[in-house]
C-alpha atoms as a PDB file:
ATOM      1  CA  UNK A   1     -20.658  49.731  12.347  1.00  0.00           C
ATOM      2  CA  UNK A   2     -22.929  46.993  13.574  1.00  0.00           C
ATOM      3  CA  UNK A   3     -26.564  47.677  12.363  1.00  0.00           C
ATOM      4  CA  UNK A   4     -28.118  46.414  15.629  1.00  0.00           C
ATOM      5  CA  UNK A   5     -31.659  47.149  14.866  1.00  0.00           C
ATOM      6  CA  UNK A   6     -31.630  45.471  11.374  1.00  0.00           C
ATOM      7  CA  UNK A   7     -29.777  42.614  12.869  1.00  0.00           C
ATOM      8  CA  UNK A   8     -32.466  42.073  15.544  1.00  0.00           C
ATOM      9  CA  UNK A   9     -35.282  42.307  13.298  1.00  0.00           C
ATOM     10  CA  UNK A  10     -33.990  39.941  10.761  1.00  0.00           C
ATOM     11  CA  UNK A  11     -32.853  37.556  13.349  1.00  0.00           C
ATOM     12  CA  UNK A  12     -36.039  37.382  15.153  1.00  0.00           C
ATOM     13  CA  UNK A  13     -37.879  36.872  11.660  1.00  0.00           C
ATOM     14  CA  UNK A  14     -35.416  34.046  10.643  1.00  0.00           C
ATOM     15  CA  UNK A  15     -36.019  32.285  13.992  1.00  0.00           C
ATOM     16  CA  UNK A  16     -39.643  32.818  14.082  1.00  0.00           C
ATOM     17  CA  UNK A  17     -39.469  34.443  17.532  1.00  0.00           C
ATOM     18  CA  UNK A  18     -42.675  35.791  18.746  1.00  0.00           C
ATOM     19  CA  UNK A  19     -43.284  38.719  21.370  1.00  0.00           C
ATOM     20  CA  UNK A  20     -40.013  40.474  20.212  1.00  0.00           C
ATOM     21  CA  UNK A  21     -39.022  43.482  18.419  1.00  0.00           C
ATOM     22  CA  UNK A  22     -39.777  42.066  14.942  1.00  0.00           C
ATOM     23  CA  UNK A  23     -43.326  41.181  15.832  1.00  0.00           C
ATOM     24  CA  UNK A  24     -43.931  44.315  17.655  1.00  0.00           C
ATOM     25  CA  UNK A  25     -42.508  46.529  14.861  1.00  0.00           C
ATOM     26  CA  UNK A  26     -44.281  44.484  12.017  1.00  0.00           C
ATOM     27  CA  UNK A  27     -47.679  44.654  13.860  1.00  0.00           C
ATOM     28  CA  UNK A  28     -47.351  48.430  14.913  1.00  0.00           C
ATOM     29  CA  UNK A  29     -46.006  49.862  11.667  1.00  0.00           C
ATOM     30  CA  UNK A  30     -48.849  47.962   9.735  1.00  0.00           C
ATOM     31  CA  UNK A  31     -51.528  49.156  12.129  1.00  0.00           C
ATOM     32  CA  UNK A  32     -50.417  52.667  12.337  1.00  0.00           C
ATOM     33  CA  UNK A  33     -49.747  53.192   8.612  1.00  0.00           C
ATOM     34  CA  UNK A  34     -53.114  51.527   7.483  1.00  0.00           C
ATOM     35  CA  UNK A  35     -55.101  53.505  10.265  1.00  0.00           C
ATOM     36  CA  UNK A  36     -53.651  56.762   8.888  1.00  0.00           C
ATOM     37  CA  UNK A  37     -55.353  55.839   5.657  1.00  0.00           C
ATOM     38  CA  UNK A  38     -58.607  55.013   7.135  1.00  0.00           C
ATOM     39  CA  UNK A  39     -58.349  51.302   7.625  1.00  0.00           C
ATOM     40  CA  UNK A  40     -61.036  49.677   9.892  1.00  0.00           C
ATOM     41  CA  UNK A  41     -58.730  46.933  11.219  1.00  0.00           C
ATOM     42  CA  UNK A  42     -58.196  47.214  14.913  1.00  0.00           C
ATOM     43  CA  UNK A  43     -54.618  46.602  16.589  1.00  0.00           C
ATOM     44  CA  UNK A  44     -55.857  43.434  17.928  1.00  0.00           C
ATOM     45  CA  UNK A  45     -57.042  42.078  14.549  1.00  0.00           C
ATOM     46  CA  UNK A  46     -53.777  43.419  12.959  1.00  0.00           C
ATOM     47  CA  UNK A  47     -51.866  41.322  15.310  1.00  0.00           C
ATOM     48  CA  UNK A  48     -54.089  38.324  14.715  1.00  0.00           C
ATOM     49  CA  UNK A  49     -53.983  38.599  11.036  1.00  0.00           C
ATOM     50  CA  UNK A  50     -50.194  38.910  10.962  1.00  0.00           C
ATOM     51  CA  UNK A  51     -49.371  36.127  13.565  1.00  0.00           C
ATOM     52  CA  UNK A  52     -52.044  33.743  12.784  1.00  0.00           C
ATOM     53  CA  UNK A  53     -53.713  34.520   9.577  1.00  0.00           C
ATOM     54  CA  UNK A  54     -57.093  34.931  11.258  1.00  0.00           C
ATOM     55  CA  UNK A  55     -59.399  37.580  12.949  1.00  0.00           C
ATOM     56  CA  UNK A  56     -59.699  37.539  16.754  1.00  0.00           C
ATOM     57  CA  UNK A  57     -63.516  37.365  16.369  1.00  0.00           C
ATOM     58  CA  UNK A  58     -64.275  40.674  18.315  1.00  0.00           C
ATOM     59  CA  UNK A  59     -64.331  43.111  15.384  1.00  0.00           C
ATOM     60  CA  UNK A  60     -65.456  42.708  11.770  1.00  0.00           C
ATOM     61  CA  UNK A  61     -63.512  44.980   9.585  1.00  0.00           C
ATOM     62  CA  UNK A  62     -63.982  45.344   5.956  1.00  0.00           C
ATOM     63  CA  UNK A  63     -62.634  42.448   4.024  1.00  0.00           C
ATOM     64  CA  UNK A  64     -60.695  44.537   1.803  1.00  0.00           C
ATOM     65  CA  UNK A  65     -59.027  46.397   4.849  1.00  0.00           C
ATOM     66  CA  UNK A  66     -58.070  42.761   6.294  1.00  0.00           C
ATOM     67  CA  UNK A  67     -56.447  41.940   2.922  1.00  0.00           C
ATOM     68  CA  UNK A  68     -54.454  45.036   2.800  1.00  0.00           C
ATOM     69  CA  UNK A  69     -53.354  44.343   6.440  1.00  0.00           C
ATOM     70  CA  UNK A  70     -51.997  41.039   5.456  1.00  0.00           C
ATOM     71  CA  UNK A  71     -50.363  42.578   2.460  1.00  0.00           C
ATOM     72  CA  UNK A  72     -48.622  45.295   4.500  1.00  0.00           C
ATOM     73  CA  UNK A  73     -47.102  42.523   6.654  1.00  0.00           C
ATOM     74  CA  UNK A  74     -45.717  41.001   3.413  1.00  0.00           C
ATOM     75  CA  UNK A  75     -44.415  44.203   2.315  1.00  0.00           C
ATOM     76  CA  UNK A  76     -42.682  44.674   5.767  1.00  0.00           C
ATOM     77  CA  UNK A  77     -40.900  41.471   5.501  1.00  0.00           C
ATOM     78  CA  UNK A  78     -39.797  42.301   1.808  1.00  0.00           C
ATOM     79  CA  UNK A  79     -38.496  45.456   3.169  1.00  0.00           C
ATOM     80  CA  UNK A  80     -36.387  43.730   5.860  1.00  0.00           C
ATOM     81  CA  UNK A  81     -34.923  41.425   2.884  1.00  0.00           C
ATOM     82  CA  UNK A  82     -33.773  44.488   0.820  1.00  0.00           C
ATOM     83  CA  UNK A  83     -32.999  46.900   3.471  1.00  0.00           C
ATOM     84  CA  UNK A  84     -29.119  47.143   2.714  1.00  0.00           C
ATOM     85  CA  UNK A  85     -29.664  47.267  -0.945  1.00  0.00           C
ATOM     86  CA  UNK A  86     -29.624  50.553  -2.826  1.00  0.00           C
ATOM     87  CA  UNK A  87     -33.263  51.452  -3.661  1.00  0.00           C
ATOM     88  CA  UNK A  88     -34.368  50.885  -7.384  1.00  0.00           C
ATOM     89  CA  UNK A  89     -37.575  51.721  -9.105  1.00  0.00           C
ATOM     90  CA  UNK A  90     -38.328  47.810  -9.443  1.00  0.00           C
ATOM     91  CA  UNK A  91     -38.266  47.572  -5.594  1.00  0.00           C
ATOM     92  CA  UNK A  92     -40.565  50.612  -5.187  1.00  0.00           C
ATOM     93  CA  UNK A  93     -43.082  49.105  -7.644  1.00  0.00           C
ATOM     94  CA  UNK A  94     -42.825  45.991  -5.863  1.00  0.00           C
ATOM     95  CA  UNK A  95     -43.798  47.541  -2.579  1.00  0.00           C
ATOM     96  CA  UNK A  96     -46.794  48.741  -4.304  1.00  0.00           C
ATOM     97  CA  UNK A  97     -47.778  45.390  -5.908  1.00  0.00           C
ATOM     98  CA  UNK A  98     -47.387  43.669  -2.431  1.00  0.00           C
ATOM     99  CA  UNK A  99     -49.685  46.160  -0.756  1.00  0.00           C
ATOM    100  CA  UNK A 100     -52.493  45.786  -3.231  1.00  0.00           C
ATOM    101  CA  UNK A 101     -52.142  42.236  -4.548  1.00  0.00           C
ATOM    102  CA  UNK A 102     -55.621  40.468  -4.380  1.00  0.00           C
ATOM    103  CA  UNK A 103     -57.431  43.616  -3.359  1.00  0.00           C
ATOM    104  CA  UNK A 104     -60.465  45.461  -4.712  1.00  0.00           C
ATOM    105  CA  UNK A 105     -58.289  47.911  -6.206  1.00  0.00           C
ATOM    106  CA  UNK A 106     -56.362  45.214  -8.288  1.00  0.00           C
ATOM    107  CA  UNK A 107     -59.628  44.596 -10.040  1.00  0.00           C
ATOM    108  CA  UNK A 108     -59.825  48.007 -11.551  1.00  0.00           C
ATOM    109  CA  UNK A 109     -57.829  48.262 -14.936  1.00  0.00           C
ATOM    110  CA  UNK A 110     -57.167  51.847 -14.315  1.00  0.00           C
ATOM    111  CA  UNK A 111     -55.490  51.381 -10.935  1.00  0.00           C
ATOM    112  CA  UNK A 112     -52.227  49.771 -12.314  1.00  0.00           C
ATOM    113  CA  UNK A 113     -51.015  47.634  -9.344  1.00  0.00           C
ATOM    114  CA  UNK A 114     -47.340  47.625  -9.092  1.00  0.00           C
ATOM    115  CA  UNK A 115     -47.021  50.371 -11.901  1.00  0.00           C
ATOM    116  CA  UNK A 116     -46.942  54.121 -11.823  1.00  0.00           C
ATOM    117  CA  UNK A 117     -50.317  55.990 -11.970  1.00  0.00           C
ATOM    118  CA  UNK A 118     -52.291  56.137 -15.246  1.00  0.00           C
ATOM    119  CA  UNK A 119     -54.674  58.854 -14.161  1.00  0.00           C
ATOM    120  CA  UNK A 120     -54.046  62.217 -12.492  1.00  0.00           C
ATOM    121  CA  UNK A 121     -54.226  62.318  -8.605  1.00  0.00           C
ATOM    122  CA  UNK A 122     -54.390  64.672  -5.944  1.00  0.00           C
ATOM    123  CA  UNK A 123     -53.347  64.925  -2.237  1.00  0.00           C
ATOM    124  CA  UNK A 124     -56.734  65.723  -0.704  1.00  0.00           C
ATOM    125  CA  UNK A 125     -58.961  67.995  -2.928  1.00  0.00           C
ATOM    126  CA  UNK A 126     -56.498  70.690  -3.866  1.00  0.00           C
ATOM    127  CA  UNK A 127     -52.766  69.638  -3.912  1.00  0.00           C
ATOM    128  CA  UNK A 128     -51.673  68.731  -7.345  1.00  0.00           C
ATOM    129  CA  UNK A 129     -48.916  66.071  -7.850  1.00  0.00           C
ATOM    130  CA  UNK A 130     -46.733  64.848 -10.718  1.00  0.00           C
ATOM    131  CA  UNK A 131     -48.863  64.152 -13.895  1.00  0.00           C
ATOM    132  CA  UNK A 132     -48.761  60.539 -15.128  1.00  0.00           C
ATOM    133  CA  UNK A 133     -46.626  61.640 -18.175  1.00  0.00           C
ATOM    134  CA  UNK A 134     -44.138  63.293 -15.638  1.00  0.00           C
ATOM    135  CA  UNK A 135     -44.140  60.570 -13.032  1.00  0.00           C
ATOM    136  CA  UNK A 136     -41.446  58.264 -14.459  1.00  0.00           C
ATOM    137  CA  UNK A 137     -38.954  61.035 -15.006  1.00  0.00           C
ATOM    138  CA  UNK A 138     -39.619  62.514 -11.672  1.00  0.00           C
ATOM    139  CA  UNK A 139     -39.064  59.109  -9.923  1.00  0.00           C
ATOM    140  CA  UNK A 140     -35.801  58.707 -11.779  1.00  0.00           C
ATOM    141  CA  UNK A 141     -34.544  62.021 -10.729  1.00  0.00           C
ATOM    142  CA  UNK A 142     -35.867  61.485  -7.096  1.00  0.00           C
ATOM    143  CA  UNK A 143     -33.928  58.131  -6.974  1.00  0.00           C
ATOM    144  CA  UNK A 144     -30.807  59.869  -8.373  1.00  0.00           C
ATOM    145  CA  UNK A 145     -30.921  62.741  -5.692  1.00  0.00           C
ATOM    146  CA  UNK A 146     -31.456  59.953  -2.931  1.00  0.00           C
ATOM    147  CA  UNK A 147     -28.414  57.999  -4.026  1.00  0.00           C
ATOM    148  CA  UNK A 148     -26.238  61.182  -4.248  1.00  0.00           C
ATOM    149  CA  UNK A 149     -26.542  61.887  -0.584  1.00  0.00           C
ATOM    150  CA  UNK A 150     -23.478  60.609   1.394  1.00  0.00           C
ATOM    151  CA  UNK A 151     -24.173  59.324   4.887  1.00  0.00           C
ATOM    152  CA  UNK A 152     -27.486  60.921   4.936  1.00  0.00           C
ATOM    153  CA  UNK A 153     -29.175  61.495   8.456  1.00  0.00           C
ATOM    154  CA  UNK A 154     -32.836  61.807   9.459  1.00  0.00           C
ATOM    155  CA  UNK A 155     -33.323  65.128   7.920  1.00  0.00           C
ATOM    156  CA  UNK A 156     -32.312  63.870   4.407  1.00  0.00           C
ATOM    157  CA  UNK A 157     -34.561  60.648   4.789  1.00  0.00           C
ATOM    158  CA  UNK A 158     -37.435  63.068   5.848  1.00  0.00           C
ATOM    159  CA  UNK A 159     -37.023  65.245   2.973  1.00  0.00           C
ATOM    160  CA  UNK A 160     -36.760  62.457   0.489  1.00  0.00           C
ATOM    161  CA  UNK A 161     -40.095  61.197   1.991  1.00  0.00           C
ATOM    162  CA  UNK A 162     -41.580  64.455   1.345  1.00  0.00           C
ATOM    163  CA  UNK A 163     -40.282  64.502  -2.316  1.00  0.00           C
ATOM    164  CA  UNK A 164     -41.847  61.016  -2.765  1.00  0.00           C
ATOM    165  CA  UNK A 165     -45.115  62.173  -1.569  1.00  0.00           C
ATOM    166  CA  UNK A 166     -45.096  65.179  -3.611  1.00  0.00           C
ATOM    167  CA  UNK A 167     -44.656  63.148  -6.718  1.00  0.00           C
ATOM    168  CA  UNK A 168     -47.383  60.651  -5.511  1.00  0.00           C
ATOM    169  CA  UNK A 169     -46.429  58.086  -8.223  1.00  0.00           C
ATOM    170  CA  UNK A 170     -48.931  55.494  -7.729  1.00  0.00           C
ATOM    171  CA  UNK A 171     -52.833  55.835  -8.225  1.00  0.00           C
ATOM    172  CA  UNK A 172     -53.172  55.249  -4.301  1.00  0.00           C
ATOM    173  CA  UNK A 173     -51.316  53.849  -1.449  1.00  0.00           C
ATOM    174  CA  UNK A 174     -48.337  56.504  -1.742  1.00  0.00           C
ATOM    175  CA  UNK A 175     -48.364  57.046   2.007  1.00  0.00           C
ATOM    176  CA  UNK A 176     -47.958  53.534   2.915  1.00  0.00           C
ATOM    177  CA  UNK A 177     -45.264  52.919   0.320  1.00  0.00           C
ATOM    178  CA  UNK A 178     -43.612  56.108   1.408  1.00  0.00           C
ATOM    179  CA  UNK A 179     -43.534  55.160   5.144  1.00  0.00           C
ATOM    180  CA  UNK A 180     -42.100  51.800   4.326  1.00  0.00           C
ATOM    181  CA  UNK A 181     -39.515  53.380   2.216  1.00  0.00           C
ATOM    182  CA  UNK A 182     -38.590  55.816   4.916  1.00  0.00           C
ATOM    183  CA  UNK A 183     -38.163  52.964   7.419  1.00  0.00           C
ATOM    184  CA  UNK A 184     -36.122  50.959   4.819  1.00  0.00           C
ATOM    185  CA  UNK A 185     -33.822  54.013   4.093  1.00  0.00           C
ATOM    186  CA  UNK A 186     -33.195  54.379   7.725  1.00  0.00           C
ATOM    187  CA  UNK A 187     -32.204  50.811   8.287  1.00  0.00           C
ATOM    188  CA  UNK A 188     -30.176  51.077   4.963  1.00  0.00           C
ATOM    189  CA  UNK A 189     -27.960  54.055   6.259  1.00  0.00           C
ATOM    190  CA  UNK A 190     -27.974  52.678  10.005  1.00  0.00           C
ATOM    191  CA  UNK A 191     -30.179  55.439  11.150  1.00  0.00           C
ATOM    192  CA  UNK A 192     -32.859  54.810  13.969  1.00  0.00           C
ATOM    193  CA  UNK A 193     -36.121  54.198  11.888  1.00  0.00           C
ATOM    194  CA  UNK A 194     -39.429  55.770  12.905  1.00  0.00           C
ATOM    195  CA  UNK A 195     -43.130  55.000  12.837  1.00  0.00           C
ATOM    196  CA  UNK A 196     -45.708  57.643  12.195  1.00  0.00           C
ATOM    197  CA  UNK A 197     -48.709  56.957  14.474  1.00  0.00           C
ATOM    198  CA  UNK A 198     -52.215  58.153  14.090  1.00  0.00           C
ATOM    199  CA  UNK A 199     -51.668  60.356  17.322  1.00  0.00           C
ATOM    200  CA  UNK A 200     -49.199  62.567  15.461  1.00  0.00           C
ATOM    201  CA  UNK A 201     -50.965  62.284  11.975  1.00  0.00           C
ATOM    202  CA  UNK A 202     -52.276  66.078  12.296  1.00  0.00           C
ATOM    203  CA  UNK A 203     -48.694  67.226  12.705  1.00  0.00           C
ATOM    204  CA  UNK A 204     -47.342  65.028   9.894  1.00  0.00           C
ATOM    205  CA  UNK A 205     -49.843  66.028   7.454  1.00  0.00           C
ATOM    206  CA  UNK A 206     -49.412  69.722   8.374  1.00  0.00           C
ATOM    207  CA  UNK A 207     -45.768  69.183   8.036  1.00  0.00           C
ATOM    208  CA  UNK A 208     -45.890  67.796   4.554  1.00  0.00           C
ATOM    209  CA  UNK A 209     -48.154  70.700   3.508  1.00  0.00           C
ATOM    210  CA  UNK A 210     -45.823  73.243   4.962  1.00  0.00           C
ATOM    211  CA  UNK A 211     -42.947  71.553   3.062  1.00  0.00           C
ATOM    212  CA  UNK A 212     -44.585  73.008  -0.095  1.00  0.00           C
ATOM    213  CA  UNK A 213     -43.944  76.456   1.033  1.00  0.00           C
ATOM    214  CA  UNK A 214     -40.262  75.681   2.023  1.00  0.00           C
ATOM    215  CA  UNK A 215     -40.955  75.391   5.594  1.00  0.00           C
ATOM    216  CA  UNK A 216     -39.284  71.993   6.898  1.00  0.00           C
ATOM    217  CA  UNK A 217     -38.972  72.387  10.565  1.00  0.00           C
ATOM    218  CA  UNK A 218     -42.147  70.727  11.506  1.00  0.00           C
ATOM    219  CA  UNK A 219     -41.414  67.603   9.340  1.00  0.00           C
ATOM    220  CA  UNK A 220     -37.900  67.334  11.100  1.00  0.00           C
ATOM    221  CA  UNK A 221     -39.516  67.655  14.486  1.00  0.00           C
ATOM    222  CA  UNK A 222     -42.368  65.248  13.754  1.00  0.00           C
ATOM    223  CA  UNK A 223     -39.897  62.706  12.297  1.00  0.00           C
ATOM    224  CA  UNK A 224     -37.664  63.253  15.267  1.00  0.00           C
ATOM    225  CA  UNK A 225     -40.192  62.506  17.756  1.00  0.00           C
ATOM    226  CA  UNK A 226     -41.295  59.398  15.883  1.00  0.00           C
ATOM    227  CA  UNK A 227     -37.690  58.431  15.836  1.00  0.00           C
ATOM    228  CA  UNK A 228     -37.289  59.024  19.594  1.00  0.00           C
ATOM    229  CA  UNK A 229     -40.372  56.987  20.357  1.00  0.00           C
ATOM    230  CA  UNK A 230     -39.148  53.937  18.342  1.00  0.00           C
ATOM    231  CA  UNK A 231     -35.672  54.172  19.946  1.00  0.00           C
ATOM    232  CA  UNK A 232     -37.365  53.757  23.433  1.00  0.00           C
ATOM    233  CA  UNK A 233     -39.059  50.711  22.078  1.00  0.00           C
ATOM    234  CA  UNK A 234     -35.831  49.207  20.660  1.00  0.00           C
ATOM    235  CA  UNK A 235     -34.300  49.863  24.138  1.00  0.00           C
ATOM    236  CA  UNK A 236     -36.879  47.541  25.726  1.00  0.00           C
ATOM    237  CA  UNK A 237     -36.128  44.635  23.392  1.00  0.00           C
ATOM    238  CA  UNK A 238     -32.496  45.067  22.793  1.00  0.00           C
ATOM    239  CA  UNK A 239     -30.414  44.996  26.029  1.00  0.00           C
ATOM    240  CA  UNK A 240     -27.331  46.283  24.443  1.00  0.00           C
ATOM    241  CA  UNK A 241     -29.082  49.192  22.585  1.00  0.00           C
ATOM    242  CA  UNK A 242     -27.402  52.496  23.476  1.00  0.00           C
ATOM    243  CA  UNK A 243     -29.909  55.233  23.846  1.00  0.00           C
ATOM    244  CA  UNK A 244     -28.929  58.995  23.370  1.00  0.00           C
ATOM    245  CA  UNK A 245     -28.624  60.559  26.827  1.00  0.00           C
ATOM    246  CA  UNK A 246     -31.586  62.868  26.301  1.00  0.00           C
ATOM    247  CA  UNK A 247     -33.865  59.855  26.012  1.00  0.00           C
ATOM    248  CA  UNK A 248     -32.600  57.740  28.925  1.00  0.00           C
ATOM    249  CA  UNK A 249     -34.698  59.565  31.389  1.00  0.00           C
ATOM    250  CA  UNK A 250     -37.897  58.698  29.335  1.00  0.00           C
ATOM    251  CA  UNK A 251     -37.260  54.986  29.469  1.00  0.00           C
ATOM    252  CA  UNK A 252     -39.073  54.170  32.694  1.00  0.00           C
ATOM    253  CA  UNK A 253     -42.218  55.938  31.469  1.00  0.00           C
ATOM    254  CA  UNK A 254     -41.859  54.247  28.062  1.00  0.00           C
ATOM    255  CA  UNK A 255     -41.654  50.962  29.590  1.00  0.00           C
ATOM    256  CA  UNK A 256     -45.237  51.512  31.084  1.00  0.00           C
ATOM    257  CA  UNK A 257     -46.644  52.592  28.002  1.00  0.00           C
ATOM    258  CA  UNK A 258     -45.251  49.927  25.793  1.00  0.00           C
ATOM    259  CA  UNK A 259     -46.328  47.223  28.585  1.00  0.00           C
ATOM    260  CA  UNK A 260     -49.861  48.452  28.394  1.00  0.00           C
ATOM    261  CA  UNK A 261     -49.966  48.476  24.706  1.00  0.00           C
ATOM    262  CA  UNK A 262     -48.836  44.905  24.462  1.00  0.00           C
ATOM    263  CA  UNK A 263     -51.250  43.704  27.247  1.00  0.00           C
ATOM    264  CA  UNK A 264     -54.134  45.402  25.564  1.00  0.00           C
ATOM    265  CA  UNK A 265     -53.267  44.386  21.945  1.00  0.00           C
ATOM    266  CA  UNK A 266     -50.346  42.350  20.974  1.00  0.00           C
ATOM    267  CA  UNK A 267     -50.509  39.554  23.417  1.00  0.00           C
ATOM    268  CA  UNK A 268     -54.294  38.806  22.782  1.00  0.00           C
END
């Protein structure tokens, strides 16, 4: 079965096409994922950094945030390059390396850029994660479970994302790595991918917390909504993209939304 989204993203990247699905997705995923983690880089500056290598001069984000924005763009391109490959620990660690190469964090000996954590960490103030001693074994088990899924659908990818975040294998950056992996695994299995936006962050964070209690419906609903939103974006860039019938009625509204977003940010 043709992987129409991956083919379009790779084709536009290879040909250097601007203003298409590749540019939109790279900028939007980078901006949203970094913003969720507290980045000070605006949408306009994210677009400028990833397309011109410069800031637009209107805002002055923290230098480290700007470097991480550039790095996320490189990690996105790497994700497209390996999307069809079976995921490995080396690839996961390389995502982390790309995200933090040249950053303030890379100067800290205990941070371990591109390697699993050396110090214990938590999600927020209370939620414990795998210990540094357990992390390598837990990641091997997690990967084995991921590979064992035959023809997984969005629910399986979402559960794998929760499993990764529960381990929290890196000192920091687990959310950004995890969301890139979720996008990559959707492309790998020819599932419409998704982008978690700051607007749905409260539901996303609550969903991950509820998963620890064995409650998964909110995670499925949140990821499903994010997937629907990205499919509507794809339908506006890919003429032959076939939307599920239940989404077709939302296409005209989505066109207005995406046009305003592009006019406000991506074309500046």
